Amino acid sequence: MSRRQQIEALLKDDPDDTFLNYALAKELVGAGDVEAGIAAFDRVLSLDPDYVPAYFQKAQTLASEGDVEAARDVLVRGIDVAQRVGDSHANGEMTAYLDTL
């Protein structure tokens, strides 16, 4: 059973688990299914709008696909969330990445 299949099996028991949905999004992107990965990151953020890593990963995915403007928008939102929740490390990483786009 692949890692993706394992995650999907776990999600059947707990479909609203934020971390499992995040892990699935990363697996999808890593496997080249970018569209499904972005949709999965959106699901994570609908479940938990404060889940800061999803903003950064979604932005990186969008930028790697050439959608720099959308990546910037996601980063700006993610930076705002990181500041609000006190995640200075993620705030710094996303700010630095935004400066490169």
Protein backbone atom coordinates (compact mmCIF):
# COMPACT_ATOMS: atom_id res chain seq x y z
CA MET A 1 0.00 0.00 0.00
CA SER A 2 1.40 3.38 -1.00
CA ARG A 3 1.69 6.28 1.41
CA ARG A 4 -1.13 8.02 -0.45
CA GLN A 5 -3.36 4.96 -0.07
CA GLN A 6 -2.52 4.79 3.63
CA ILE A 7 -3.45 8.44 4.12
CA GLU A 8 -6.66 8.02 2.15
CA ALA A 9 -7.58 4.99 4.27
CA LEU A 10 -7.02 6.98 7.46
CA LEU A 11 -9.10 9.83 6.06
CA LYS A 12 -12.04 7.47 5.61
CA ASP A 13 -12.14 7.16 9.41
CA ASP A 14 -11.53 10.85 10.06
CA PRO A 15 -12.18 12.92 6.90
CA ASP A 16 -11.80 16.24 8.72
CA ASP A 17 -8.35 15.54 10.17
CA THR A 18 -6.35 18.62 9.21
CA PHE A 19 -2.94 16.97 9.31
CA LEU A 20 -4.04 13.98 7.24
CA ASN A 21 -5.56 16.28 4.63
CA TYR A 22 -2.33 18.29 4.60
CA ALA A 23 -0.28 15.10 4.19
CA LEU A 24 -2.53 14.04 1.31
CA ALA A 25 -2.06 17.43 -0.37
CA LYS A 26 1.70 17.07 -0.16
CA GLU A 27 1.55 13.51 -1.50
CA LEU A 28 -0.61 14.59 -4.43
CA VAL A 29 1.74 17.44 -5.36
CA GLY A 30 4.75 15.17 -4.93
CA ALA A 31 3.18 12.64 -7.30
CA GLY A 32 2.61 15.36 -9.91
CA ASP A 33 -1.14 15.71 -9.41
CA VAL A 34 -0.84 19.43 -8.80
CA GLU A 35 -4.46 20.35 -9.41
CA ALA A 36 -5.69 17.80 -6.85
CA GLY A 37 -2.93 18.87 -4.47
CA ILE A 38 -3.98 22.51 -4.62
CA ALA A 39 -7.59 21.48 -4.05
CA ALA A 40 -6.44 19.43 -1.06
CA PHE A 41 -4.57 22.44 0.36
CA ASP A 42 -7.80 24.41 -0.05
CA ARG A 43 -9.60 21.69 1.91
CA VAL A 44 -7.03 21.99 4.70
CA LEU A 45 -7.56 25.73 4.87
CA SER A 46 -11.33 25.33 4.89
CA LEU A 47 -11.01 22.92 7.82
CA ASP A 48 -8.52 25.10 9.70
CA PRO A 49 -7.87 28.60 8.36
CA ASP A 50 -5.03 28.95 10.89
CA TYR A 51 -3.05 25.96 9.54
CA VAL A 52 -0.06 28.04 8.49
CA PRO A 53 2.01 25.35 6.70
CA ALA A 54 -0.75 24.88 4.12
CA TYR A 55 -0.41 28.49 2.99
CA PHE A 56 3.32 28.15 2.40
CA GLN A 57 3.06 24.80 0.63
CA LYS A 58 0.17 25.96 -1.55
CA ALA A 59 2.05 29.13 -2.48
CA GLN A 60 5.18 27.16 -3.37
CA THR A 61 3.10 24.81 -5.51
CA LEU A 62 1.38 27.68 -7.31
CA ALA A 63 4.71 29.42 -7.94
CA SER A 64 6.29 26.24 -9.28
CA GLU A 65 3.39 26.02 -11.74
CA GLY A 66 4.01 29.60 -12.88
CA ASP A 67 1.04 31.18 -11.12
CA VAL A 68 3.15 33.72 -9.26
CA GLU A 69 0.33 36.19 -8.65
CA ALA A 70 -1.82 33.55 -6.96
CA ALA A 71 1.21 32.43 -4.96
CA ARG A 72 1.76 35.98 -3.75
CA ASP A 73 -1.89 36.27 -2.70
CA VAL A 74 -1.67 33.02 -0.72
CA LEU A 75 1.57 34.14 0.92
CA VAL A 76 0.10 37.49 1.98
CA ARG A 77 -2.84 35.68 3.59
CA GLY A 78 -0.49 33.15 5.19
CA ILE A 79 1.76 35.86 6.58
CA ASP A 80 -1.25 37.58 8.13
CA VAL A 81 -2.32 34.31 9.75
CA ALA A 82 1.21 33.52 10.95
CA GLN A 83 1.44 36.95 12.57
CA ARG A 84 -1.96 36.55 14.19
CA VAL A 85 -1.20 33.11 15.64
CA GLY A 86 2.34 34.07 16.67
CA ASP A 87 4.25 31.77 14.31
CA SER A 88 7.28 33.97 13.76
CA HIS A 89 9.30 31.24 12.04
CA ALA A 90 6.68 30.66 9.34
CA ASN A 91 6.13 34.39 9.08
CA GLY A 92 9.82 34.87 8.34
CA GLU A 93 9.98 32.00 5.85
CA MET A 94 6.93 33.17 3.93
CA THR A 95 8.07 36.79 3.94
CA ALA A 96 11.47 35.78 2.58
CA TYR A 97 9.85 33.62 -0.08
CA LEU A 98 7.45 36.40 -1.05
CA ASP A 99 10.46 38.67 -1.59
CA THR A 100 11.83 36.19 -4.15
CA LEU A 101 8.69 36.17 -6.28
